Amino acid sequence: MNNKLLIFLLGVMLSGGVKAQQHPSYTQYTLNRFALNPAVAGIIPCSELTMGNRRQWTGFEGAPTLYVSSFHTRVNKDDKYPKNFHGVGISAFDSREGFSATTGVKLAYAYHIKLARNYRASVGVFAGIQNKSFLFNQINIANKGMDPALNREEGSTIVYPEISPGGFIYNQNFYAGLSMIQLYPARIDRIGTRRNRLTGHYFLTSGYRFRGRILHYIPSFLFNFSPFISPTMDLTLTVEYDKTISLALGSKYLNSGYATLQLRLFSSVTLGYSYEYALNEISNVAPTTHEIVLTIGSCNSEGRETKFICPAYE
């Protein structure tokens, strides 16, 4: 394994007294919103399937990779203009970083209510399990047995529950959401220094659609924060042409810049590709990150017309 990456991963995942990033990051958070907030489930009056793959720092041995898929739908779809409604969904992911691998699956429930002036609000919760594995026998460094964080186990696995609540508010032009991933503070007491604990990650996101005749402009942000670590911020500006093609430019807390192209291939299929380039020290070794997201919805195929819809999903 590349020594620079090994030092980075050890610092992130095995430091007993340090809280670290424990949740996958996304560049296309606008196209994969349900993965970060359970309150999004059922926001459109049909079903939606999303699949994505992220390959970070291409060229690093053992660099982070992520596979994610999700499905959500509205329960009472036959009611064309419901005052209140329910949404359900499921999300699964597989994340790998060097000698660490995490897989998870979780179910979602959301309840949407109508507010004044065409606003709606929703609350939801994820409930599921995650499986985290550490393969310390893949670490190739001298005197590994002298480090108490590495010599306890040749391979270790821990399974723990996940409970993640969220809230969302939206109308035809505006949306904002706040979610907490990993409310349950699971301990990883059989790995490394035996002092590790998972901590909650908070995701605050918002955006606004400035509508034109053909071109639409959508500035948005994703703010990620967690106790004892530095917060991060994604700032994105999306320009959409006739609801068929969009180009987004953004920066991930000034450590990287990215460009995203999204194409509506058919009436119900959207494909997005992101190219991200590191602007910090990692650029000397492996500066590029690639992300692909495919979304398939059933609204148009079911011939539905909606009176109310969130601007992020148009």
Protein backbone atom coordinates (compact mmCIF):
# COMPACT_ATOMS: atom_id res chain seq x y z
CA MET A 1 0.00 0.00 0.00
CA ASN A 2 1.21 3.50 -0.78
CA ASN A 3 2.94 4.85 2.37
CA LYS A 4 1.41 8.33 2.09
CA LEU A 5 -2.09 6.92 1.85
CA LEU A 6 -1.39 4.50 4.70
CA ILE A 7 -0.34 7.34 7.01
CA PHE A 8 -3.48 9.27 6.10
CA LEU A 9 -5.83 6.32 6.65
CA LEU A 10 -4.22 5.39 9.95
CA GLY A 11 -4.64 8.92 11.22
CA VAL A 12 -8.29 9.04 10.13
CA MET A 13 -9.55 5.66 11.26
CA LEU A 14 -7.42 4.38 14.12
CA SER A 15 -6.61 7.38 16.32
CA GLY A 16 -8.24 6.66 19.64
CA GLY A 17 -8.53 10.27 20.78
CA VAL A 18 -9.53 11.84 17.47
CA LYS A 19 -12.97 12.07 15.88
CA ALA A 20 -12.85 11.67 12.11
CA GLN A 21 -14.98 11.63 8.99
CA GLN A 22 -17.02 8.41 9.18
CA HIS A 23 -19.59 8.88 6.41
CA PRO A 24 -19.11 8.74 2.63
CA SER A 25 -18.99 12.05 0.78
CA TYR A 26 -20.80 12.84 -2.47
CA THR A 27 -20.11 15.37 -5.19
CA GLN A 28 -23.57 15.03 -6.77
CA TYR A 29 -25.52 15.62 -3.59
CA THR A 30 -28.25 17.35 -5.61
CA LEU A 31 -28.94 14.16 -7.59
CA ASN A 32 -28.52 11.77 -4.65
CA ARG A 33 -30.36 13.71 -1.95
CA PHE A 34 -32.20 10.73 -0.47
CA ALA A 35 -28.91 9.06 0.52
CA LEU A 36 -28.27 11.94 2.96
CA ASN A 37 -31.78 12.67 4.26
CA PRO A 38 -34.58 10.15 4.93
CA ALA A 39 -37.19 12.95 4.89
CA VAL A 40 -36.82 13.06 1.08
CA ALA A 41 -38.56 9.67 0.72
CA GLY A 42 -41.76 10.07 -1.26
CA ILE A 43 -41.18 13.71 -2.19
CA ILE A 44 -42.23 13.00 -5.78
CA PRO A 45 -45.56 11.25 -6.56
CA CYS A 46 -43.91 8.19 -8.10
CA SER A 47 -40.95 5.87 -7.60
CA GLU A 48 -37.27 6.74 -8.00
CA LEU A 49 -34.22 4.48 -8.24
CA THR A 50 -30.70 5.92 -7.89
CA MET A 51 -27.37 4.16 -8.40
CA GLY A 52 -23.94 5.72 -8.03
CA ASN A 53 -20.22 5.00 -8.02
CA ARG A 54 -17.50 7.29 -6.65
CA ARG A 55 -13.77 6.71 -7.11
CA GLN A 56 -11.70 9.12 -5.07
CA TRP A 57 -8.05 10.04 -5.65
CA THR A 58 -7.67 7.85 -8.74
CA GLY A 59 -4.20 6.32 -8.84
CA PHE A 60 -3.76 5.75 -5.12
CA GLU A 61 -3.55 2.11 -4.08
CA GLY A 62 -6.39 1.52 -1.66
CA ALA A 63 -7.99 4.90 -2.32
CA PRO A 64 -11.65 5.36 -1.23
CA THR A 65 -14.33 3.86 -3.47
CA LEU A 66 -18.07 3.96 -2.95
CA TYR A 67 -21.05 2.14 -4.45
CA VAL A 68 -24.49 3.36 -3.44
CA SER A 69 -28.04 2.55 -4.49
CA SER A 70 -31.39 3.72 -3.19
CA PHE A 71 -35.09 3.48 -3.92
CA HIS A 72 -37.96 5.53 -2.55
CA THR A 73 -41.62 6.00 -3.37
CA ARG A 74 -44.80 7.66 -2.15
CA VAL A 75 -47.30 5.40 -0.39
CA ASN A 76 -50.55 7.06 -1.51
CA LYS A 77 -49.58 7.76 -5.13
CA ASP A 78 -53.15 7.53 -6.40
CA ASP A 79 -54.11 10.72 -4.58
CA LYS A 80 -53.13 13.36 -7.14
CA TYR A 81 -53.12 16.40 -4.82
CA PRO A 82 -52.78 15.04 -1.29
CA LYS A 83 -52.67 17.38 1.68
CA ASN A 84 -50.42 15.03 3.66
CA PHE A 85 -48.72 11.85 2.52
CA HIS A 86 -46.21 9.14 3.46
CA GLY A 87 -42.97 8.04 1.82
CA VAL A 88 -40.87 4.89 2.21
CA GLY A 89 -37.53 3.81 0.83
CA ILE A 90 -34.39 1.73 1.12
CA SER A 91 -30.73 2.67 0.73
CA ALA A 92 -27.61 0.49 0.55
CA PHE A 93 -23.92 1.25 0.14
CA ASP A 94 -20.49 -0.36 0.03
CA SER A 95 -17.51 1.82 0.92
CA ARG A 96 -13.83 0.82 0.92
CA GLU A 97 -10.80 2.80 2.09
CA GLY A 98 -7.49 0.94 2.14
CA PHE A 99 -7.75 -1.83 4.74
CA SER A 100 -11.24 -0.76 5.86
CA ALA A 101 -14.57 -1.73 4.31
CA THR A 102 -18.09 -0.72 5.33
CA THR A 103 -21.38 -2.01 3.99
CA GLY A 104 -24.81 -0.93 5.11
CA VAL A 105 -28.50 -1.18 4.37
CA LYS A 106 -31.27 0.94 5.88
CA LEU A 107 -35.00 1.47 5.53
CA ALA A 108 -36.61 4.91 5.48
CA TYR A 109 -39.96 6.37 6.42
CA ALA A 110 -41.06 9.99 5.91
CA TYR A 111 -44.22 11.97 6.57
CA HIS A 112 -44.98 15.08 4.48
CA ILE A 113 -47.40 17.81 5.54
CA LYS A 114 -48.69 20.85 3.71
CA LEU A 115 -47.85 24.26 5.14
CA ALA A 116 -48.96 27.75 4.14
CA ARG A 117 -48.16 29.39 0.78
CA ASN A 118 -47.32 26.19 -1.12
CA TYR A 119 -44.66 25.09 1.33
CA ARG A 120 -44.38 21.51 2.51
CA ALA A 121 -42.37 20.03 5.35
CA SER A 122 -41.36 16.46 6.02
CA VAL A 123 -39.69 14.47 8.76
CA GLY A 124 -38.17 11.04 8.34
CA VAL A 125 -35.86 8.44 9.78
CA PHE A 126 -33.42 5.81 8.54
CA ALA A 127 -33.15 2.54 10.49
CA GLY A 128 -30.73 -0.20 9.51
CA ILE A 129 -27.42 -1.93 10.15
CA GLN A 130 -23.83 -1.47 9.07
CA ASN A 131 -20.94 -3.91 8.89
CA LYS A 132 -17.40 -2.57 9.27
CA SER A 133 -14.36 -4.75 8.56
CA PHE A 134 -10.66 -4.09 9.12
CA LEU A 135 -8.02 -6.22 7.41
CA PHE A 136 -4.84 -5.35 9.26
CA ASN A 137 -2.95 -8.19 7.59
CA GLN A 138 -2.99 -6.08 4.41
CA ILE A 139 -0.86 -3.38 6.05
CA ASN A 140 2.78 -3.74 5.05
CA ILE A 141 4.94 -1.72 7.43
CA ALA A 142 7.97 -2.53 9.56
CA ASN A 143 7.49 -3.47 13.23
CA LYS A 144 3.72 -3.68 12.91
CA GLY A 145 3.54 -5.80 16.04
CA MET A 146 4.82 -2.92 18.17
CA ASP A 147 1.75 -0.78 17.46
CA PRO A 148 -1.19 -1.60 19.80
CA ALA A 149 -3.60 -0.21 17.22
CA LEU A 150 -2.55 -2.87 14.71
CA ASN A 151 -1.35 -5.99 16.48
CA ARG A 152 -4.59 -7.02 18.23
CA GLU A 153 -6.40 -8.49 15.26
CA GLU A 154 -5.42 -9.83 11.86
CA GLY A 155 -8.96 -9.26 10.67
CA SER A 156 -11.88 -7.82 12.62
CA THR A 157 -15.54 -7.19 11.91
CA ILE A 158 -18.19 -5.31 13.83
CA VAL A 159 -21.91 -5.01 13.11
CA TYR A 160 -23.83 -2.09 14.60
CA PRO A 161 -27.23 -0.43 14.18
CA GLU A 162 -27.87 2.87 12.43
CA ILE A 163 -30.62 5.34 13.33
CA SER A 164 -30.58 8.58 11.33
CA PRO A 165 -33.35 11.24 11.49
CA GLY A 166 -33.90 14.14 9.08
CA GLY A 167 -36.17 17.02 8.15
CA PHE A 168 -36.92 18.78 4.87
CA ILE A 169 -38.85 21.90 3.81
CA TYR A 170 -39.57 22.84 0.21
CA ASN A 171 -41.75 24.59 -2.34
CA GLN A 172 -41.57 25.04 -6.11
CA ASN A 173 -38.36 27.09 -5.98
CA PHE A 174 -36.71 26.51 -2.61
CA TYR A 175 -35.59 23.58 -0.52
CA ALA A 176 -33.63 23.09 2.71
CA GLY A 177 -32.89 20.00 4.71
CA LEU A 178 -31.12 18.95 7.89
CA SER A 179 -30.25 15.37 8.77
CA MET A 180 -28.13 13.53 11.31
CA ILE A 181 -26.46 10.35 10.15
CA GLN A 182 -25.57 7.83 12.88
CA LEU A 183 -27.59 8.98 15.87
CA TYR A 184 -26.72 5.75 17.70
CA PRO A 185 -23.15 6.16 19.12
CA ALA A 186 -21.84 2.67 18.41
CA ARG A 187 -18.51 1.69 19.97
CA ILE A 188 -15.82 -0.11 18.01
CA ASP A 189 -14.34 -1.78 21.09
CA ARG A 190 -12.72 -4.77 19.39
CA ILE A 191 -10.68 -2.79 16.86
CA GLY A 192 -7.39 -0.99 17.25
CA THR A 193 -7.03 0.96 20.51
CA ARG A 194 -10.52 -0.13 21.67
CA ARG A 195 -11.44 3.48 22.37
CA ASN A 196 -13.10 4.22 19.04
CA ARG A 197 -16.70 5.38 18.79
CA LEU A 198 -18.84 6.38 15.84
CA THR A 199 -20.16 9.90 16.06
CA GLY A 200 -23.07 11.65 14.41
CA HIS A 201 -22.62 13.62 11.18
CA TYR A 202 -24.94 16.51 10.40
CA PHE A 203 -25.83 17.51 6.85
CA LEU A 204 -27.43 20.88 6.13
CA THR A 205 -28.35 21.50 2.51
CA SER A 206 -30.29 24.17 0.66
CA GLY A 207 -30.85 25.53 -2.81
CA TYR A 208 -32.99 27.91 -4.82
CA ARG A 209 -34.13 27.73 -8.45
CA PHE A 210 -34.10 31.01 -10.37
CA ARG A 211 -36.40 30.30 -13.28
CA GLY A 212 -35.98 31.62 -16.80
CA ARG A 213 -37.70 30.84 -20.07
CA ILE A 214 -35.11 28.24 -21.08
CA LEU A 215 -32.20 28.57 -18.67
CA HIS A 216 -32.60 27.97 -14.96
CA TYR A 217 -29.96 28.83 -12.33
CA ILE A 218 -29.74 26.81 -9.11
CA PRO A 219 -27.19 27.81 -6.47
CA SER A 220 -26.95 25.26 -3.67
CA PHE A 221 -24.75 24.20 -0.79
CA LEU A 222 -24.08 21.20 1.44
CA PHE A 223 -22.68 21.89 4.91
CA ASN A 224 -21.32 18.86 6.77
CA PHE A 225 -20.28 19.09 10.39
CA SER A 226 -19.54 16.75 13.27
CA PRO A 227 -18.22 17.21 16.82
CA PHE A 228 -14.46 17.65 17.20
CA ILE A 229 -13.65 17.85 13.47
CA SER A 230 -13.50 20.75 11.06
CA PRO A 231 -16.76 21.39 9.15
CA THR A 232 -16.85 21.12 5.38
CA MET A 233 -18.82 23.05 2.80
CA ASP A 234 -19.79 22.30 -0.81
CA LEU A 235 -20.80 25.30 -2.91
CA THR A 236 -22.38 24.59 -6.30
CA LEU A 237 -23.91 26.60 -9.11
CA THR A 238 -26.00 24.62 -11.59
CA VAL A 239 -27.16 25.97 -14.95
CA GLU A 240 -29.98 23.95 -16.51
CA TYR A 241 -31.12 24.16 -20.11
CA ASP A 242 -34.74 23.34 -20.86
CA LYS A 243 -34.82 20.65 -18.13
CA THR A 244 -32.77 18.34 -20.38
CA ILE A 245 -29.11 19.16 -19.71
CA SER A 246 -27.33 20.87 -16.84
CA LEU A 247 -23.78 21.90 -16.01
CA ALA A 248 -22.66 22.48 -12.44
CA LEU A 249 -19.45 24.03 -11.13
CA GLY A 250 -18.49 23.86 -7.50
CA SER A 251 -15.87 23.62 -4.80
CA LYS A 252 -15.60 21.21 -1.89
CA TYR A 253 -14.47 23.36 1.08
CA LEU A 254 -11.75 24.90 -1.11
CA ASN A 255 -9.82 21.60 -1.09
CA SER A 256 -11.09 20.65 -4.54
CA GLY A 257 -12.98 21.99 -7.50
CA TYR A 258 -15.43 20.02 -9.61
CA ALA A 259 -17.59 20.09 -12.69
CA THR A 260 -20.74 18.01 -13.15
CA LEU A 261 -22.66 17.26 -16.34
CA GLN A 262 -26.19 15.87 -16.04
CA LEU A 263 -28.19 14.64 -19.02
CA ARG A 264 -31.84 13.63 -19.15
CA LEU A 265 -31.48 10.72 -21.54
CA PHE A 266 -35.17 9.86 -21.60
CA SER A 267 -38.21 11.36 -19.95
CA SER A 268 -37.52 9.41 -16.76
CA VAL A 269 -33.74 8.73 -16.84
CA THR A 270 -31.00 11.15 -15.74
CA LEU A 271 -27.27 10.43 -15.94
CA GLY A 272 -24.71 12.56 -14.12
CA TYR A 273 -20.91 12.56 -14.26
CA SER A 274 -18.60 14.58 -12.00
CA TYR A 275 -14.90 15.31 -12.41
CA GLU A 276 -13.23 16.59 -9.26
CA TYR A 277 -9.66 17.90 -8.98
CA ALA A 278 -7.82 18.28 -5.68
CA LEU A 279 -6.45 21.71 -4.79
CA ASN A 280 -4.45 20.63 -1.73
CA GLU A 281 -1.36 18.46 -1.11
CA ILE A 282 -3.04 15.33 -2.43
CA SER A 283 -2.83 16.84 -5.93
CA ASN A 284 0.88 15.94 -6.01
CA VAL A 285 0.02 12.23 -5.99
CA ALA A 286 -3.57 11.51 -7.07
CA PRO A 287 -5.57 14.66 -7.78
CA THR A 288 -8.64 13.34 -9.60
CA THR A 289 -11.96 11.95 -8.37
CA HIS A 290 -14.74 10.58 -10.59
CA GLU A 291 -18.40 10.07 -9.75
CA ILE A 292 -21.27 8.67 -11.82
CA VAL A 293 -24.93 8.77 -10.74
CA LEU A 294 -27.88 7.26 -12.62
CA THR A 295 -31.45 8.12 -11.60
CA ILE A 296 -34.55 6.39 -12.97
CA GLY A 297 -37.97 7.79 -12.11
CA SER A 298 -41.46 6.60 -13.00
CA CYS A 299 -43.36 9.90 -12.97
CA ASN A 300 -43.44 10.47 -16.72
CA SER A 301 -43.83 6.80 -17.55
CA GLU A 302 -46.97 6.73 -15.40
CA GLY A 303 -48.35 9.79 -17.17
CA ARG A 304 -48.60 11.81 -13.98
CA GLU A 305 -48.87 15.55 -13.82
CA THR A 306 -47.90 17.21 -10.57
CA LYS A 307 -49.20 20.44 -9.17
CA PHE A 308 -46.50 20.59 -6.51
CA ILE A 309 -42.90 19.46 -6.82
CA CYS A 310 -39.56 20.22 -5.23
CA PRO A 311 -37.24 22.27 -7.51
CA ALA A 312 -34.38 19.86 -6.92
CA TYR A 313 -36.27 17.12 -8.77
CA GLU A 314 -37.50 18.98 -11.85
